[in-house]
Amino acid sequence: MKTRLNLTIEDSLLKSTKLYAEKQGTSVSELTERYFKSITKPAKRKTIIDLVEKLGKHDIDPKTDLKEMYYQDKKHGI
């Protein structure tokens, strides 16, 4: 269920927000709702392993020091 909400903000901010929303193909209401969700829902802290797993299949051992691997590769120009 959606509920109407009245907000009071600066005219110039509303104008620029409407332009931004239009460029994004969304509405000010949707932007506001997404923002409220982002600040009220606790964010799950992601580890580098979580990010690697999102990439799909890999052969990296979860116990590998990825930071060290990165710097070693960088040192060798990889």
C-alpha atoms as a PDB file:
ATOM      1  CA  MET A   1       0.000   0.000   0.000  1.00  0.00           C
ATOM      2  CA  LYS A   2       1.302   3.449  -0.898  1.00  0.00           C
ATOM      3  CA  THR A   3       0.692   6.501   1.297  1.00  0.00           C
ATOM      4  CA  ARG A   4       0.850  10.129   0.254  1.00  0.00           C
ATOM      5  CA  LEU A   5       3.570  12.243   1.877  1.00  0.00           C
ATOM      6  CA  ASN A   6       3.898  16.029   1.768  1.00  0.00           C
ATOM      7  CA  LEU A   7       7.422  17.445   1.829  1.00  0.00           C
ATOM      8  CA  THR A   8       8.662  21.014   1.991  1.00  0.00           C
ATOM      9  CA  ILE A   9      11.925  21.684   0.147  1.00  0.00           C
ATOM     10  CA  GLU A  10      13.602  24.557  -1.671  1.00  0.00           C
ATOM     11  CA  ASP A  11      12.116  25.359  -5.097  1.00  0.00           C
ATOM     12  CA  SER A  12      15.496  25.124  -6.807  1.00  0.00           C
ATOM     13  CA  LEU A  13      16.139  21.709  -5.281  1.00  0.00           C
ATOM     14  CA  LEU A  14      12.765  20.440  -6.444  1.00  0.00           C
ATOM     15  CA  LYS A  15      13.405  21.697  -9.990  1.00  0.00           C
ATOM     16  CA  SER A  16      16.811  20.037 -10.206  1.00  0.00           C
ATOM     17  CA  THR A  17      15.416  16.840  -8.654  1.00  0.00           C
ATOM     18  CA  LYS A  18      12.624  16.696 -11.218  1.00  0.00           C
ATOM     19  CA  LEU A  19      15.152  17.146 -14.030  1.00  0.00           C
ATOM     20  CA  TYR A  20      17.349  14.429 -12.581  1.00  0.00           C
ATOM     21  CA  ALA A  21      14.388  12.054 -12.191  1.00  0.00           C
ATOM     22  CA  GLU A  22      13.322  12.702 -15.788  1.00  0.00           C
ATOM     23  CA  LYS A  23      16.838  11.953 -17.080  1.00  0.00           C
ATOM     24  CA  GLN A  24      16.841   8.737 -15.044  1.00  0.00           C
ATOM     25  CA  GLY A  25      13.426   7.729 -16.370  1.00  0.00           C
ATOM     26  CA  THR A  26      11.830   7.702 -12.940  1.00  0.00           C
ATOM     27  CA  SER A  27       9.809   9.938 -10.638  1.00  0.00           C
ATOM     28  CA  VAL A  28      10.653  12.084  -7.643  1.00  0.00           C
ATOM     29  CA  SER A  29       8.454   9.771  -5.583  1.00  0.00           C
ATOM     30  CA  GLU A  30      10.455   6.729  -6.682  1.00  0.00           C
ATOM     31  CA  LEU A  31      13.759   8.474  -5.959  1.00  0.00           C
ATOM     32  CA  THR A  32      12.501   9.440  -2.505  1.00  0.00           C
ATOM     33  CA  GLU A  33      11.244   5.932  -1.780  1.00  0.00           C
ATOM     34  CA  ARG A  34      14.573   4.390  -2.842  1.00  0.00           C
ATOM     35  CA  TYR A  35      16.456   6.852  -0.657  1.00  0.00           C
ATOM     36  CA  PHE A  36      14.278   6.131   2.369  1.00  0.00           C
ATOM     37  CA  LYS A  37      14.797   2.394   1.824  1.00  0.00           C
ATOM     38  CA  SER A  38      18.556   2.862   1.620  1.00  0.00           C
ATOM     39  CA  ILE A  39      18.765   4.721   4.931  1.00  0.00           C
ATOM     40  CA  THR A  40      16.345   2.533   6.879  1.00  0.00           C
ATOM     41  CA  LYS A  41      17.511  -0.912   5.759  1.00  0.00           C
ATOM     42  CA  PRO A  42      20.779  -2.015   7.329  1.00  0.00           C
ATOM     43  CA  ALA A  43      23.312  -2.570   4.602  1.00  0.00           C
ATOM     44  CA  LYS A  44      24.919  -5.978   4.400  1.00  0.00           C
ATOM     45  CA  ARG A  45      28.627  -5.412   4.547  1.00  0.00           C
ATOM     46  CA  LYS A  46      30.161  -7.059   1.514  1.00  0.00           C
ATOM     47  CA  THR A  47      33.524  -8.717   1.588  1.00  0.00           C
ATOM     48  CA  ILE A  48      35.771  -9.071  -1.404  1.00  0.00           C
ATOM     49  CA  ILE A  49      34.815 -12.777  -1.453  1.00  0.00           C
ATOM     50  CA  ASP A  50      31.145 -11.778  -1.833  1.00  0.00           C
ATOM     51  CA  LEU A  51      32.086  -9.596  -4.795  1.00  0.00           C
ATOM     52  CA  VAL A  52      34.221 -12.305  -6.412  1.00  0.00           C
ATOM     53  CA  GLU A  53      31.419 -14.846  -5.978  1.00  0.00           C
ATOM     54  CA  LYS A  54      29.058 -12.496  -7.822  1.00  0.00           C
ATOM     55  CA  LEU A  55      31.361 -12.787 -10.844  1.00  0.00           C
ATOM     56  CA  GLY A  56      30.536 -16.476 -11.159  1.00  0.00           C
ATOM     57  CA  LYS A  57      32.670 -19.609 -11.198  1.00  0.00           C
ATOM     58  CA  HIS A  58      36.289 -19.178 -10.203  1.00  0.00           C
ATOM     59  CA  ASP A  59      39.103 -21.247  -8.815  1.00  0.00           C
ATOM     60  CA  ILE A  60      40.191 -18.862  -6.063  1.00  0.00           C
ATOM     61  CA  ASP A  61      40.466 -20.466  -2.649  1.00  0.00           C
ATOM     62  CA  PRO A  62      38.311 -18.494  -0.171  1.00  0.00           C
ATOM     63  CA  LYS A  63      41.275 -18.515   2.222  1.00  0.00           C
ATOM     64  CA  THR A  64      43.487 -16.735  -0.306  1.00  0.00           C
ATOM     65  CA  ASP A  65      44.723 -13.283   0.665  1.00  0.00           C
ATOM     66  CA  LEU A  66      43.176 -11.432  -2.264  1.00  0.00           C
ATOM     67  CA  LYS A  67      44.768  -8.161  -1.297  1.00  0.00           C
ATOM     68  CA  GLU A  68      48.216  -9.745  -1.391  1.00  0.00           C
ATOM     69  CA  MET A  69      47.358 -11.459  -4.696  1.00  0.00           C
ATOM     70  CA  TYR A  70      46.346  -8.087  -6.151  1.00  0.00           C
ATOM     71  CA  TYR A  71      49.617  -6.414  -5.143  1.00  0.00           C
ATOM     72  CA  GLN A  72      51.688  -9.346  -6.410  1.00  0.00           C
ATOM     73  CA  ASP A  73      49.915  -9.201  -9.785  1.00  0.00           C
ATOM     74  CA  LYS A  74      50.337  -5.437  -9.904  1.00  0.00           C
ATOM     75  CA  LYS A  75      54.057  -5.782  -9.112  1.00  0.00           C
ATOM     76  CA  HIS A  76      54.435  -8.223 -12.021  1.00  0.00           C
ATOM     77  CA  GLY A  77      52.452  -6.032 -14.408  1.00  0.00           C
ATOM     78  CA  ILE A  78      49.438  -8.328 -14.632  1.00  0.00           C
END
